[in-house]
C-alpha cells in the first residue's frame, strides 16, 4: 500500500480526462497547431509509403508518422486521433493512388490504435498514476511497461493485422503471406514507436507551459 501511495503521488496529469470539454475555449494558436499536426502526419504517412524500405510483399518497414500521431494524441486528444485518421487516409491512401473507399478502409488501421491509446491514457492509466501525456515513460518502470504493452504491443498489433488484411484484399499482399507481412508491419511500427517517449519528454513541457494541450479530449 505504501508503494501505491507513493506511485499515485508521483502522478503528473490528474487535470486531464475523458471529458469532451475541460479546458475551455480553444485558442487560434491551438487551431493552427491542430492543422499543422495534421499536415505533418499526412506528409510522414505519405513518406512512409513511398520512401520506406520495402522488406516484404507490399510492406513498408518504417512508418514514421506513428510516433508523431501518438504524441499528438497525448497532447490534443481527439485532434491527434483525427490526424492519425487523415494522415493515413490522405497521405498513405489518396496521395499514393488508392481510391476513396480503400483509403478509408486502410485508415482504420491508424484511427483505432490512436483512439485506444487516447482512451486508455486519459482513462485507466491516468487514474493509476501514469502520465496521460507520456512524459514519465523514460522515468518510471510502470509507465514504460504500459507503453510497451499497450502502445507498442496491443494497439500496434491491432493496426498491423488490420492494415495487412486490407492490403491482402487489395491484392498488394498475397493471402499466403498475410502473417509474414503482418509480423513485419508490427515490428517496423514498434521500432519507430521507440522515439515517442523521448519526443514526449522533450517537447511536452514546452507545449504544456504555453497552455496548448487539451485537458479534455476536444478542449
N, C-alpha and C. Protein backbone atom coordinates (compact mmCIF):
# COMPACT_ATOMS: atom_id res chain seq x y z
N UNK A 1 0.82 -1.21 0.00
CA UNK A 1 0.00 0.00 0.00
C UNK A 1 0.85 1.26 0.00
N UNK A 2 1.97 1.21 0.73
CA UNK A 2 2.86 2.37 0.75
C UNK A 2 3.37 2.67 -0.65
N UNK A 3 3.74 1.60 -1.39
CA UNK A 3 4.23 1.78 -2.76
C UNK A 3 3.16 2.43 -3.63
N UNK A 4 1.90 1.97 -3.45
CA UNK A 4 0.81 2.50 -4.26
C UNK A 4 0.60 3.98 -3.98
N UNK A 5 0.69 4.38 -2.71
CA UNK A 5 0.50 5.80 -2.37
C UNK A 5 1.60 6.65 -2.97
N UNK A 6 2.83 6.16 -2.88
CA UNK A 6 3.95 6.92 -3.47
C UNK A 6 3.77 7.03 -4.97
N UNK A 7 3.37 5.91 -5.59
CA UNK A 7 3.20 5.88 -7.04
C UNK A 7 2.14 6.88 -7.48
N UNK A 8 1.01 6.89 -6.75
CA UNK A 8 -0.07 7.79 -7.11
C UNK A 8 0.32 9.25 -6.90
N UNK A 9 1.13 9.52 -5.87
CA UNK A 9 1.52 10.90 -5.60
C UNK A 9 2.52 11.43 -6.61
N UNK A 10 3.12 10.52 -7.39
CA UNK A 10 4.09 10.94 -8.39
C UNK A 10 3.42 11.18 -9.75
N UNK A 11 2.10 11.30 -9.73
CA UNK A 11 1.35 11.46 -10.98
C UNK A 11 1.49 12.88 -11.51
N UNK A 12 1.43 12.98 -12.85
CA UNK A 12 1.52 14.28 -13.48
C UNK A 12 0.16 14.92 -13.73
N UNK A 13 -0.75 14.14 -14.33
CA UNK A 13 -1.80 14.78 -15.11
C UNK A 13 -3.22 14.52 -14.69
N UNK A 14 -3.55 14.72 -13.40
CA UNK A 14 -4.91 14.48 -12.98
C UNK A 14 -5.90 15.47 -13.57
N UNK A 15 -5.40 16.58 -14.11
CA UNK A 15 -6.30 17.56 -14.72
C UNK A 15 -6.76 17.12 -16.11
N UNK A 16 -6.14 16.08 -16.66
CA UNK A 16 -6.52 15.57 -17.98
C UNK A 16 -7.55 14.46 -17.82
N UNK A 17 -8.53 14.44 -18.70
CA UNK A 17 -9.63 13.48 -18.53
C UNK A 17 -10.24 13.13 -19.88
N UNK A 18 -11.25 12.28 -19.81
CA UNK A 18 -12.00 11.89 -21.00
C UNK A 18 -13.24 12.76 -21.21
N UNK A 19 -13.36 13.83 -20.45
CA UNK A 19 -14.44 14.77 -20.70
C UNK A 19 -14.22 15.43 -22.06
N UNK A 20 -15.30 15.76 -22.73
CA UNK A 20 -15.16 16.38 -24.05
C UNK A 20 -14.50 17.75 -23.95
N UNK A 21 -14.98 18.58 -23.01
CA UNK A 21 -14.51 19.95 -22.91
C UNK A 21 -14.11 20.23 -21.46
N UNK A 22 -12.79 20.23 -21.22
CA UNK A 22 -12.31 20.50 -19.87
C UNK A 22 -11.40 21.71 -19.81
N UNK A 23 -10.98 22.21 -20.95
CA UNK A 23 -10.01 23.29 -20.96
C UNK A 23 -10.54 24.61 -21.44
N UNK A 24 -11.86 24.73 -21.55
CA UNK A 24 -12.41 26.00 -22.02
C UNK A 24 -12.31 26.14 -23.52
N UNK A 25 -12.44 27.37 -23.98
CA UNK A 25 -12.45 27.67 -25.40
C UNK A 25 -11.06 27.48 -26.01
N UNK A 26 -11.01 26.86 -27.16
CA UNK A 26 -9.74 26.68 -27.86
C UNK A 26 -9.27 28.00 -28.45
N UNK A 27 -7.95 28.19 -28.44
CA UNK A 27 -7.37 29.42 -28.96
C UNK A 27 -7.08 29.29 -30.45
N UNK A 28 -6.86 30.42 -31.09
CA UNK A 28 -6.47 30.43 -32.50
C UNK A 28 -5.17 29.68 -32.71
N UNK A 29 -4.24 29.83 -31.76
CA UNK A 29 -2.96 29.12 -31.84
C UNK A 29 -3.17 27.62 -31.81
N UNK A 30 -4.07 27.16 -30.96
CA UNK A 30 -4.34 25.72 -30.90
C UNK A 30 -4.92 25.20 -32.20
N UNK A 31 -5.88 25.94 -32.76
CA UNK A 31 -6.44 25.52 -34.05
C UNK A 31 -5.36 25.46 -35.13
N UNK A 32 -4.46 26.44 -35.11
CA UNK A 32 -3.36 26.43 -36.08
C UNK A 32 -2.47 25.21 -35.88
N UNK A 33 -2.18 24.88 -34.61
CA UNK A 33 -1.36 23.70 -34.32
C UNK A 33 -2.05 22.41 -34.73
N UNK A 34 -3.38 22.36 -34.57
CA UNK A 34 -4.11 21.17 -34.99
C UNK A 34 -3.96 20.97 -36.51
N UNK A 35 -4.06 22.07 -37.24
CA UNK A 35 -3.91 21.98 -38.70
C UNK A 35 -2.49 21.58 -39.08
N UNK A 36 -1.51 22.13 -38.38
CA UNK A 36 -0.11 21.81 -38.68
C UNK A 36 0.18 20.35 -38.40
N UNK A 37 -0.31 19.84 -37.26
CA UNK A 37 -0.02 18.45 -36.92
C UNK A 37 -0.68 17.50 -37.91
N UNK A 38 -1.85 17.85 -38.42
CA UNK A 38 -2.49 17.03 -39.44
C UNK A 38 -1.64 17.01 -40.71
N UNK A 39 -1.13 18.19 -41.09
CA UNK A 39 -0.28 18.27 -42.28
C UNK A 39 1.00 17.46 -42.09
N UNK A 40 1.58 17.52 -40.89
CA UNK A 40 2.81 16.76 -40.60
C UNK A 40 2.55 15.26 -40.72
N UNK A 41 1.44 14.79 -40.17
CA UNK A 41 1.15 13.36 -40.21
C UNK A 41 0.82 12.91 -41.63
N UNK A 42 0.13 13.75 -42.40
CA UNK A 42 -0.12 13.42 -43.81
C UNK A 42 1.20 13.25 -44.54
N UNK A 43 2.13 14.21 -44.36
CA UNK A 43 3.42 14.14 -45.03
C UNK A 43 4.20 12.90 -44.62
N UNK A 44 4.27 12.63 -43.32
CA UNK A 44 5.03 11.48 -42.84
C UNK A 44 4.38 10.16 -43.28
N UNK A 45 3.05 10.14 -43.34
CA UNK A 45 2.36 8.94 -43.81
C UNK A 45 2.68 8.68 -45.28
N UNK A 46 2.66 9.73 -46.06
CA UNK A 46 3.00 9.62 -47.49
C UNK A 46 4.43 9.13 -47.68
N UNK A 47 5.36 9.73 -46.91
CA UNK A 47 6.76 9.30 -46.99
C UNK A 47 6.92 7.86 -46.52
N UNK A 48 6.09 7.46 -45.56
CA UNK A 48 6.16 6.09 -45.07
C UNK A 48 5.81 5.06 -46.11
N UNK A 49 5.08 5.49 -47.14
CA UNK A 49 4.70 4.58 -48.22
C UNK A 49 5.70 4.64 -49.37
N UNK A 50 6.09 5.87 -49.74
CA UNK A 50 6.90 5.99 -50.96
C UNK A 50 8.41 6.00 -50.71
N UNK A 51 8.83 6.26 -49.47
CA UNK A 51 10.26 6.42 -49.21
C UNK A 51 10.74 5.54 -48.07
N UNK A 52 10.09 4.42 -47.88
CA UNK A 52 10.45 3.49 -46.81
C UNK A 52 10.89 2.17 -47.42
N UNK A 53 11.96 1.57 -46.92
CA UNK A 53 12.39 0.27 -47.45
C UNK A 53 11.26 -0.76 -47.42
N UNK A 54 11.05 -1.44 -48.53
CA UNK A 54 10.05 -2.49 -48.60
C UNK A 54 10.74 -3.80 -48.23
N UNK A 55 10.32 -4.39 -47.12
CA UNK A 55 11.01 -5.58 -46.60
C UNK A 55 10.22 -6.86 -46.80
N UNK A 56 9.00 -6.73 -47.27
CA UNK A 56 8.18 -7.90 -47.53
C UNK A 56 7.24 -7.61 -48.66
N UNK A 57 6.34 -8.50 -48.99
CA UNK A 57 5.41 -8.29 -50.10
C UNK A 57 4.45 -7.14 -49.83
N UNK A 58 4.76 -5.97 -50.41
CA UNK A 58 3.90 -4.81 -50.24
C UNK A 58 3.98 -4.13 -48.89
N UNK A 59 4.99 -4.44 -48.07
CA UNK A 59 5.08 -3.91 -46.71
C UNK A 59 6.24 -2.92 -46.59
N UNK A 60 5.91 -1.64 -46.33
CA UNK A 60 6.94 -0.67 -45.99
C UNK A 60 7.29 -0.84 -44.51
N UNK A 61 8.57 -0.79 -44.20
CA UNK A 61 9.00 -1.23 -42.88
C UNK A 61 8.88 -0.18 -41.79
N UNK A 62 9.16 1.09 -42.10
CA UNK A 62 9.21 2.12 -41.06
C UNK A 62 8.16 3.19 -41.35
N UNK A 63 7.15 3.25 -40.52
CA UNK A 63 6.04 4.20 -40.70
C UNK A 63 6.23 5.35 -39.70
N UNK A 64 6.97 6.37 -40.13
CA UNK A 64 7.42 7.41 -39.22
C UNK A 64 6.29 8.28 -38.68
N UNK A 65 5.13 8.23 -39.30
CA UNK A 65 4.01 9.01 -38.78
C UNK A 65 3.54 8.50 -37.42
N UNK A 66 3.75 7.22 -37.16
CA UNK A 66 3.15 6.58 -35.98
C UNK A 66 3.55 7.25 -34.66
N UNK A 67 4.83 7.41 -34.34
CA UNK A 67 5.15 8.03 -33.04
C UNK A 67 4.66 9.46 -32.93
N UNK A 68 4.58 10.15 -34.05
CA UNK A 68 4.13 11.54 -34.00
C UNK A 68 2.64 11.63 -33.70
N UNK A 69 1.82 10.81 -34.36
CA UNK A 69 0.40 10.94 -34.04
C UNK A 69 0.06 10.38 -32.67
N UNK A 70 0.90 9.50 -32.13
CA UNK A 70 0.70 9.07 -30.74
C UNK A 70 0.97 10.24 -29.79
N UNK A 71 2.06 10.94 -29.99
CA UNK A 71 2.36 12.10 -29.14
C UNK A 71 1.30 13.18 -29.31
N UNK A 72 0.87 13.43 -30.54
CA UNK A 72 -0.17 14.43 -30.77
C UNK A 72 -1.48 14.02 -30.08
N UNK A 73 -1.77 12.73 -30.04
CA UNK A 73 -2.96 12.24 -29.35
C UNK A 73 -2.84 12.45 -27.85
N UNK A 74 -1.65 12.22 -27.30
CA UNK A 74 -1.44 12.52 -25.88
C UNK A 74 -1.69 14.00 -25.59
N UNK A 75 -1.20 14.86 -26.46
CA UNK A 75 -1.34 16.30 -26.25
C UNK A 75 -2.75 16.81 -26.49
N UNK A 76 -3.35 16.38 -27.61
CA UNK A 76 -4.54 17.04 -28.14
C UNK A 76 -5.76 16.13 -28.29
N UNK A 77 -5.74 14.98 -27.66
CA UNK A 77 -6.93 14.15 -27.63
C UNK A 77 -7.44 13.76 -29.01
N UNK A 78 -8.71 14.03 -29.24
CA UNK A 78 -9.33 13.61 -30.50
C UNK A 78 -8.74 14.33 -31.71
N UNK A 79 -8.11 15.47 -31.50
CA UNK A 79 -7.45 16.15 -32.62
C UNK A 79 -6.25 15.32 -33.10
N UNK A 80 -5.56 14.67 -32.18
CA UNK A 80 -4.48 13.77 -32.58
C UNK A 80 -5.00 12.53 -33.27
N UNK A 81 -6.14 12.01 -32.79
CA UNK A 81 -6.78 10.86 -33.44
C UNK A 81 -7.19 11.24 -34.86
N UNK A 82 -7.72 12.45 -35.01
CA UNK A 82 -8.09 12.94 -36.34
C UNK A 82 -6.88 13.01 -37.26
N UNK A 83 -5.74 13.44 -36.72
CA UNK A 83 -4.51 13.49 -37.51
C UNK A 83 -4.10 12.09 -37.95
N UNK A 84 -4.22 11.11 -37.06
CA UNK A 84 -3.89 9.74 -37.41
C UNK A 84 -4.76 9.25 -38.55
N UNK A 85 -6.06 9.53 -38.46
CA UNK A 85 -7.00 9.09 -39.49
C UNK A 85 -6.74 9.78 -40.83
N UNK A 86 -6.65 11.12 -40.81
CA UNK A 86 -6.46 11.86 -42.05
C UNK A 86 -5.08 11.61 -42.65
N UNK A 87 -4.09 11.43 -41.77
CA UNK A 87 -2.74 11.16 -42.27
C UNK A 87 -2.70 9.90 -43.10
N UNK A 88 -3.33 8.85 -42.61
CA UNK A 88 -3.36 7.59 -43.35
C UNK A 88 -4.29 7.69 -44.56
N UNK A 89 -5.48 8.27 -44.36
CA UNK A 89 -6.46 8.38 -45.43
C UNK A 89 -5.93 9.15 -46.63
N UNK A 90 -5.30 10.29 -46.33
CA UNK A 90 -4.79 11.14 -47.41
C UNK A 90 -3.37 10.76 -47.79
N UNK A 91 -2.47 10.72 -46.79
CA UNK A 91 -1.05 10.53 -47.07
C UNK A 91 -0.70 9.14 -47.56
N UNK A 92 -1.19 8.12 -46.84
CA UNK A 92 -0.88 6.73 -47.21
C UNK A 92 -1.93 6.15 -48.15
N UNK A 93 -3.00 6.92 -48.38
CA UNK A 93 -4.09 6.44 -49.23
C UNK A 93 -4.21 7.21 -50.52
N UNK A 94 -4.96 8.31 -50.49
CA UNK A 94 -5.27 9.06 -51.71
C UNK A 94 -4.03 9.53 -52.47
N UNK A 95 -3.04 10.06 -51.74
CA UNK A 95 -1.85 10.60 -52.40
C UNK A 95 -0.96 9.52 -53.03
N UNK A 96 -1.17 8.28 -52.65
CA UNK A 96 -0.39 7.18 -53.24
C UNK A 96 -1.16 6.47 -54.36
N UNK A 97 -2.36 6.99 -54.66
CA UNK A 97 -3.12 6.41 -55.76
C UNK A 97 -4.23 5.46 -55.36
N UNK A 98 -4.44 5.24 -54.07
CA UNK A 98 -5.54 4.38 -53.64
C UNK A 98 -6.87 5.10 -53.86
N UNK A 99 -7.89 4.40 -54.31
CA UNK A 99 -9.23 5.00 -54.42
C UNK A 99 -9.80 5.36 -53.05
N UNK A 100 -10.92 6.07 -53.07
CA UNK A 100 -11.51 6.61 -51.85
C UNK A 100 -11.85 5.52 -50.82
N UNK A 101 -12.63 4.53 -51.21
CA UNK A 101 -13.09 3.52 -50.26
C UNK A 101 -11.93 2.71 -49.69
N UNK A 102 -11.00 2.21 -50.52
CA UNK A 102 -9.84 1.51 -49.93
C UNK A 102 -9.02 2.40 -49.01
N UNK A 103 -8.92 3.69 -49.32
CA UNK A 103 -8.19 4.61 -48.44
C UNK A 103 -8.88 4.74 -47.09
N UNK A 104 -10.20 4.82 -47.11
CA UNK A 104 -10.96 4.88 -45.87
C UNK A 104 -10.76 3.61 -45.04
N UNK A 105 -10.82 2.47 -45.71
CA UNK A 105 -10.63 1.20 -45.01
C UNK A 105 -9.22 1.11 -44.43
N UNK A 106 -8.24 1.53 -45.19
CA UNK A 106 -6.85 1.47 -44.76
C UNK A 106 -6.62 2.34 -43.54
N UNK A 107 -7.27 3.51 -43.51
CA UNK A 107 -7.04 4.47 -42.43
C UNK A 107 -7.57 4.01 -41.08
N UNK A 108 -8.47 3.02 -41.08
CA UNK A 108 -8.96 2.48 -39.81
C UNK A 108 -7.80 1.89 -39.00
N UNK A 109 -6.77 1.40 -39.70
CA UNK A 109 -5.61 0.82 -39.04
C UNK A 109 -4.80 1.82 -38.24
N UNK A 110 -4.97 3.11 -38.49
CA UNK A 110 -4.34 4.15 -37.66
C UNK A 110 -5.34 4.77 -36.70
N UNK A 111 -6.59 4.90 -37.15
CA UNK A 111 -7.63 5.51 -36.33
C UNK A 111 -7.86 4.73 -35.04
N UNK A 112 -8.03 3.43 -35.14
CA UNK A 112 -8.36 2.62 -33.96
C UNK A 112 -7.23 2.61 -32.93
N UNK A 113 -5.96 2.36 -33.32
CA UNK A 113 -4.89 2.41 -32.31
C UNK A 113 -4.78 3.76 -31.61
N UNK A 114 -4.88 4.86 -32.37
CA UNK A 114 -4.80 6.18 -31.75
C UNK A 114 -5.94 6.39 -30.77
N UNK A 115 -7.15 5.99 -31.15
CA UNK A 115 -8.30 6.15 -30.26
C UNK A 115 -8.15 5.31 -29.00
N UNK A 116 -7.67 4.08 -29.14
CA UNK A 116 -7.47 3.22 -27.97
C UNK A 116 -6.39 3.77 -27.04
N UNK A 117 -5.34 4.35 -27.61
CA UNK A 117 -4.30 4.98 -26.79
C UNK A 117 -4.89 6.16 -26.02
N UNK A 118 -5.69 6.98 -26.68
CA UNK A 118 -6.32 8.12 -26.01
C UNK A 118 -7.19 7.67 -24.85
N UNK A 119 -8.06 6.71 -25.10
CA UNK A 119 -9.00 6.26 -24.07
C UNK A 119 -8.27 5.65 -22.88
N UNK A 120 -7.24 4.87 -23.15
CA UNK A 120 -6.52 4.18 -22.08
C UNK A 120 -5.68 5.14 -21.26
N UNK A 121 -5.00 6.10 -21.92
CA UNK A 121 -4.13 7.02 -21.19
C UNK A 121 -4.93 8.08 -20.44
N UNK A 122 -5.99 8.60 -21.03
CA UNK A 122 -6.79 9.61 -20.34
C UNK A 122 -7.73 8.98 -19.32
N UNK A 123 -7.97 7.67 -19.43
CA UNK A 123 -8.87 6.98 -18.52
C UNK A 123 -8.14 6.18 -17.47
N UNK A 124 -8.02 4.88 -17.68
CA UNK A 124 -7.47 3.96 -16.69
C UNK A 124 -6.07 4.34 -16.24
N UNK A 125 -5.16 4.58 -17.18
CA UNK A 125 -3.77 4.84 -16.79
C UNK A 125 -3.63 6.13 -16.00
N UNK A 126 -4.39 7.13 -16.35
CA UNK A 126 -4.34 8.39 -15.60
C UNK A 126 -4.76 8.16 -14.15
N UNK A 127 -5.74 7.29 -13.94
CA UNK A 127 -6.24 7.02 -12.59
C UNK A 127 -5.24 6.27 -11.73
N UNK A 128 -4.34 5.50 -12.36
CA UNK A 128 -3.37 4.74 -11.54
C UNK A 128 -2.01 5.44 -11.48
N UNK A 129 -1.95 6.68 -11.97
CA UNK A 129 -0.74 7.46 -11.78
C UNK A 129 0.21 7.51 -12.95
N UNK A 130 -0.19 7.00 -14.11
CA UNK A 130 0.64 7.10 -15.32
C UNK A 130 0.32 8.42 -16.00
N UNK A 131 1.35 9.15 -16.39
CA UNK A 131 1.15 10.44 -17.03
C UNK A 131 0.39 10.29 -18.34
N UNK A 132 -0.76 10.94 -18.50
CA UNK A 132 -1.54 10.82 -19.74
C UNK A 132 -0.88 11.47 -20.94
N UNK A 133 0.18 12.25 -20.71
CA UNK A 133 0.90 12.87 -21.81
C UNK A 133 2.22 12.16 -22.12
N UNK A 134 2.50 11.07 -21.44
CA UNK A 134 3.64 10.24 -21.79
C UNK A 134 4.99 10.73 -21.33
N UNK A 135 5.03 11.74 -20.45
CA UNK A 135 6.32 12.30 -20.05
C UNK A 135 7.14 11.39 -19.15
N UNK A 136 6.49 10.45 -18.48
CA UNK A 136 7.20 9.65 -17.49
C UNK A 136 7.60 8.27 -17.98
N UNK A 137 7.44 8.00 -19.26
CA UNK A 137 7.73 6.66 -19.78
C UNK A 137 9.20 6.31 -19.64
N UNK A 138 10.07 7.28 -19.81
CA UNK A 138 11.51 7.03 -19.69
C UNK A 138 11.99 7.10 -18.24
N UNK A 139 11.08 7.40 -17.32
CA UNK A 139 11.47 7.58 -15.92
C UNK A 139 10.91 6.51 -14.98
N UNK A 140 9.74 5.99 -15.28
CA UNK A 140 9.05 5.08 -14.38
C UNK A 140 8.81 3.73 -15.05
N UNK A 141 9.15 2.68 -14.33
CA UNK A 141 9.02 1.34 -14.88
C UNK A 141 7.57 1.00 -15.21
N UNK A 142 6.65 1.40 -14.37
CA UNK A 142 5.25 1.12 -14.62
C UNK A 142 4.77 1.78 -15.90
N UNK A 143 5.16 3.04 -16.10
CA UNK A 143 4.76 3.75 -17.30
C UNK A 143 5.41 3.14 -18.54
N UNK A 144 6.66 2.72 -18.41
CA UNK A 144 7.34 2.07 -19.53
C UNK A 144 6.66 0.75 -19.88
N UNK A 145 6.25 0.00 -18.86
CA UNK A 145 5.55 -1.26 -19.10
C UNK A 145 4.28 -1.03 -19.91
N UNK A 146 3.46 -0.07 -19.48
CA UNK A 146 2.20 0.16 -20.17
C UNK A 146 2.41 0.67 -21.58
N UNK A 147 3.45 1.46 -21.80
CA UNK A 147 3.75 1.91 -23.15
C UNK A 147 4.11 0.73 -24.04
N UNK A 148 4.98 -0.14 -23.56
CA UNK A 148 5.39 -1.30 -24.35
C UNK A 148 4.19 -2.23 -24.57
N UNK A 149 3.43 -2.48 -23.51
CA UNK A 149 2.31 -3.42 -23.61
C UNK A 149 1.18 -2.88 -24.47
N UNK A 150 0.78 -1.62 -24.22
CA UNK A 150 -0.42 -1.10 -24.87
C UNK A 150 -0.13 -0.43 -26.21
N UNK A 151 0.90 0.43 -26.27
CA UNK A 151 1.16 1.19 -27.49
C UNK A 151 1.99 0.39 -28.49
N UNK A 152 3.13 -0.12 -28.04
CA UNK A 152 3.97 -0.92 -28.94
C UNK A 152 3.40 -2.31 -29.16
N UNK A 153 2.58 -2.77 -28.20
CA UNK A 153 2.04 -4.12 -28.28
C UNK A 153 0.63 -4.18 -28.82
N UNK A 154 -0.36 -4.15 -27.94
CA UNK A 154 -1.75 -4.45 -28.29
C UNK A 154 -2.28 -3.58 -29.43
N UNK A 155 -2.21 -2.26 -29.27
CA UNK A 155 -2.80 -1.39 -30.30
C UNK A 155 -2.02 -1.46 -31.61
N UNK A 156 -0.72 -1.61 -31.52
CA UNK A 156 0.11 -1.76 -32.71
C UNK A 156 -0.25 -3.05 -33.46
N UNK A 157 -0.45 -4.11 -32.71
CA UNK A 157 -0.83 -5.39 -33.33
C UNK A 157 -2.18 -5.28 -34.03
N UNK A 158 -3.14 -4.63 -33.37
CA UNK A 158 -4.46 -4.44 -33.98
C UNK A 158 -4.33 -3.70 -35.31
N UNK A 159 -3.57 -2.60 -35.30
CA UNK A 159 -3.38 -1.82 -36.53
C UNK A 159 -2.68 -2.61 -37.61
N UNK A 160 -1.65 -3.37 -37.22
CA UNK A 160 -0.91 -4.15 -38.20
C UNK A 160 -1.74 -5.25 -38.82
N UNK A 161 -2.50 -5.96 -38.01
CA UNK A 161 -3.34 -7.04 -38.54
C UNK A 161 -4.39 -6.49 -39.49
N UNK A 162 -4.99 -5.35 -39.12
CA UNK A 162 -5.99 -4.75 -39.99
C UNK A 162 -5.36 -4.23 -41.29
N UNK A 163 -4.26 -3.50 -41.17
CA UNK A 163 -3.63 -2.91 -42.34
C UNK A 163 -3.21 -3.94 -43.37
N UNK A 164 -2.61 -5.01 -42.93
CA UNK A 164 -2.17 -6.05 -43.88
C UNK A 164 -3.38 -6.80 -44.44
N UNK A 165 -4.43 -6.96 -43.64
CA UNK A 165 -5.66 -7.58 -44.17
C UNK A 165 -6.21 -6.75 -45.33
N UNK A 166 -6.21 -5.42 -45.16
CA UNK A 166 -6.68 -4.55 -46.25
C UNK A 166 -5.78 -4.70 -47.47
N UNK A 167 -4.48 -4.77 -47.28
CA UNK A 167 -3.55 -4.94 -48.39
C UNK A 167 -3.78 -6.26 -49.11
N UNK A 168 -4.12 -7.29 -48.36
CA UNK A 168 -4.44 -8.58 -48.98
C UNK A 168 -5.69 -8.45 -49.85
N UNK A 169 -6.71 -7.77 -49.32
CA UNK A 169 -7.96 -7.60 -50.08
C UNK A 169 -7.73 -6.78 -51.35
N UNK A 170 -6.78 -5.86 -51.30
CA UNK A 170 -6.48 -5.01 -52.46
C UNK A 170 -5.53 -5.68 -53.44
N UNK A 171 -4.97 -6.82 -53.06
CA UNK A 171 -4.08 -7.54 -53.95
C UNK A 171 -2.62 -7.14 -53.86
N UNK A 172 -2.28 -6.29 -52.88
CA UNK A 172 -0.89 -5.87 -52.73
C UNK A 172 -0.04 -6.89 -51.98
N UNK A 173 -0.69 -7.71 -51.17
CA UNK A 173 -0.01 -8.75 -50.40
C UNK A 173 -0.70 -10.08 -50.70
N UNK A 174 0.04 -11.11 -51.08
CA UNK A 174 -0.58 -12.43 -51.30
C UNK A 174 -1.20 -12.95 -50.01
N UNK A 175 -2.31 -13.64 -50.14
CA UNK A 175 -3.01 -14.14 -48.96
C UNK A 175 -2.12 -15.07 -48.13
N UNK A 176 -1.26 -15.84 -48.81
CA UNK A 176 -0.41 -16.78 -48.06
C UNK A 176 0.76 -16.09 -47.36
N UNK A 177 0.90 -14.77 -47.59
CA UNK A 177 1.97 -14.01 -46.93
C UNK A 177 1.41 -13.09 -45.84
N UNK A 178 0.14 -13.32 -45.47
CA UNK A 178 -0.51 -12.41 -44.52
C UNK A 178 0.25 -12.32 -43.19
N UNK A 179 0.52 -13.45 -42.57
CA UNK A 179 1.15 -13.41 -41.24
C UNK A 179 2.59 -12.91 -41.30
N UNK A 180 3.27 -13.24 -42.37
CA UNK A 180 4.63 -12.73 -42.56
C UNK A 180 4.61 -11.21 -42.71
N UNK A 181 3.68 -10.72 -43.55
CA UNK A 181 3.57 -9.28 -43.74
C UNK A 181 3.13 -8.56 -42.48
N UNK A 182 2.18 -9.16 -41.76
CA UNK A 182 1.72 -8.53 -40.52
C UNK A 182 2.84 -8.46 -39.49
N UNK A 183 3.63 -9.50 -39.41
CA UNK A 183 4.75 -9.50 -38.47
C UNK A 183 5.75 -8.41 -38.77
N UNK A 184 6.07 -8.23 -40.06
CA UNK A 184 6.99 -7.17 -40.44
C UNK A 184 6.41 -5.79 -40.16
N UNK A 185 5.13 -5.62 -40.46
CA UNK A 185 4.45 -4.35 -40.21
C UNK A 185 4.52 -4.01 -38.72
N UNK A 186 4.14 -4.95 -37.87
CA UNK A 186 4.11 -4.72 -36.42
C UNK A 186 5.51 -4.44 -35.88
N UNK A 187 6.49 -5.19 -36.35
CA UNK A 187 7.87 -4.98 -35.90
C UNK A 187 8.37 -3.60 -36.31
N UNK A 188 8.13 -3.21 -37.55
CA UNK A 188 8.58 -1.90 -38.01
C UNK A 188 7.96 -0.76 -37.22
N UNK A 189 6.65 -0.87 -36.96
CA UNK A 189 5.99 0.17 -36.18
C UNK A 189 6.50 0.21 -34.74
N UNK A 190 6.78 -0.96 -34.17
CA UNK A 190 7.31 -1.00 -32.81
C UNK A 190 8.67 -0.30 -32.75
N UNK A 191 9.47 -0.46 -33.78
CA UNK A 191 10.79 0.17 -33.81
C UNK A 191 10.67 1.69 -33.82
N UNK A 192 9.82 2.23 -34.70
CA UNK A 192 9.71 3.70 -34.77
C UNK A 192 9.02 4.28 -33.54
N UNK A 193 8.16 3.48 -32.89
CA UNK A 193 7.48 3.98 -31.70
C UNK A 193 8.43 4.21 -30.54
N UNK A 194 9.63 3.67 -30.62
CA UNK A 194 10.61 3.89 -29.55
C UNK A 194 10.89 5.37 -29.33
N UNK A 195 10.76 6.18 -30.39
CA UNK A 195 11.08 7.60 -30.24
C UNK A 195 9.96 8.39 -29.57
N UNK A 196 8.74 7.84 -29.50
CA UNK A 196 7.61 8.59 -28.94
C UNK A 196 7.86 9.06 -27.50
N UNK A 197 8.34 8.19 -26.59
CA UNK A 197 8.57 8.67 -25.22
C UNK A 197 9.59 9.80 -25.13
N UNK A 198 10.58 9.77 -26.02
CA UNK A 198 11.60 10.82 -25.99
C UNK A 198 11.05 12.13 -26.55
N UNK A 199 10.20 12.04 -27.58
CA UNK A 199 9.53 13.24 -28.07
C UNK A 199 8.65 13.84 -26.98
N UNK A 200 7.91 12.97 -26.29
CA UNK A 200 7.01 13.44 -25.24
C UNK A 200 7.79 14.10 -24.10
N UNK A 201 8.88 13.46 -23.69
CA UNK A 201 9.65 14.00 -22.57
C UNK A 201 10.29 15.34 -22.93
N UNK A 202 10.76 15.48 -24.16
CA UNK A 202 11.46 16.70 -24.56
C UNK A 202 10.50 17.85 -24.88
N UNK A 203 9.39 17.56 -25.53
CA UNK A 203 8.55 18.62 -26.09
C UNK A 203 7.30 18.92 -25.27
N UNK A 204 6.79 17.94 -24.54
CA UNK A 204 5.53 18.15 -23.81
C UNK A 204 5.62 19.29 -22.80
N UNK A 205 6.70 19.41 -22.02
CA UNK A 205 6.75 20.55 -21.08
C UNK A 205 6.63 21.90 -21.77
N UNK A 206 7.15 22.01 -22.98
CA UNK A 206 7.06 23.27 -23.72
C UNK A 206 5.62 23.52 -24.16
N UNK A 207 5.01 22.49 -24.75
CA UNK A 207 3.63 22.62 -25.21
C UNK A 207 2.70 22.93 -24.05
N UNK A 208 2.90 22.27 -22.92
CA UNK A 208 2.04 22.47 -21.77
C UNK A 208 2.29 23.84 -21.13
N UNK A 209 3.54 24.27 -21.10
CA UNK A 209 3.87 25.56 -20.48
C UNK A 209 3.12 26.71 -21.15
N UNK A 210 2.93 26.60 -22.46
CA UNK A 210 2.24 27.65 -23.20
C UNK A 210 0.73 27.41 -23.27
N UNK A 211 0.25 26.44 -22.51
CA UNK A 211 -1.19 26.20 -22.44
C UNK A 211 -1.80 25.67 -23.70
N UNK A 212 -1.05 24.87 -24.45
CA UNK A 212 -1.50 24.43 -25.77
C UNK A 212 -2.06 23.02 -25.78
N UNK A 213 -1.98 22.30 -24.66
CA UNK A 213 -2.58 20.97 -24.61
C UNK A 213 -4.09 21.10 -24.39
N UNK A 214 -4.81 20.00 -24.60
CA UNK A 214 -6.25 20.00 -24.32
C UNK A 214 -6.48 19.14 -23.08
N UNK A 215 -7.10 19.72 -22.07
CA UNK A 215 -7.36 18.99 -20.82
C UNK A 215 -8.41 17.91 -21.02
N UNK A 216 -9.40 18.19 -21.87
CA UNK A 216 -10.38 17.19 -22.27
C UNK A 216 -9.98 16.61 -23.61
N UNK A 217 -10.84 15.78 -24.18
CA UNK A 217 -10.46 15.14 -25.45
C UNK A 217 -10.74 16.01 -26.67
N UNK A 218 -11.44 17.14 -26.45
CA UNK A 218 -11.61 18.12 -27.53
C UNK A 218 -10.99 19.46 -27.13
N UNK A 219 -11.22 19.90 -25.91
CA UNK A 219 -10.63 21.16 -25.48
C UNK A 219 -10.22 21.09 -24.00
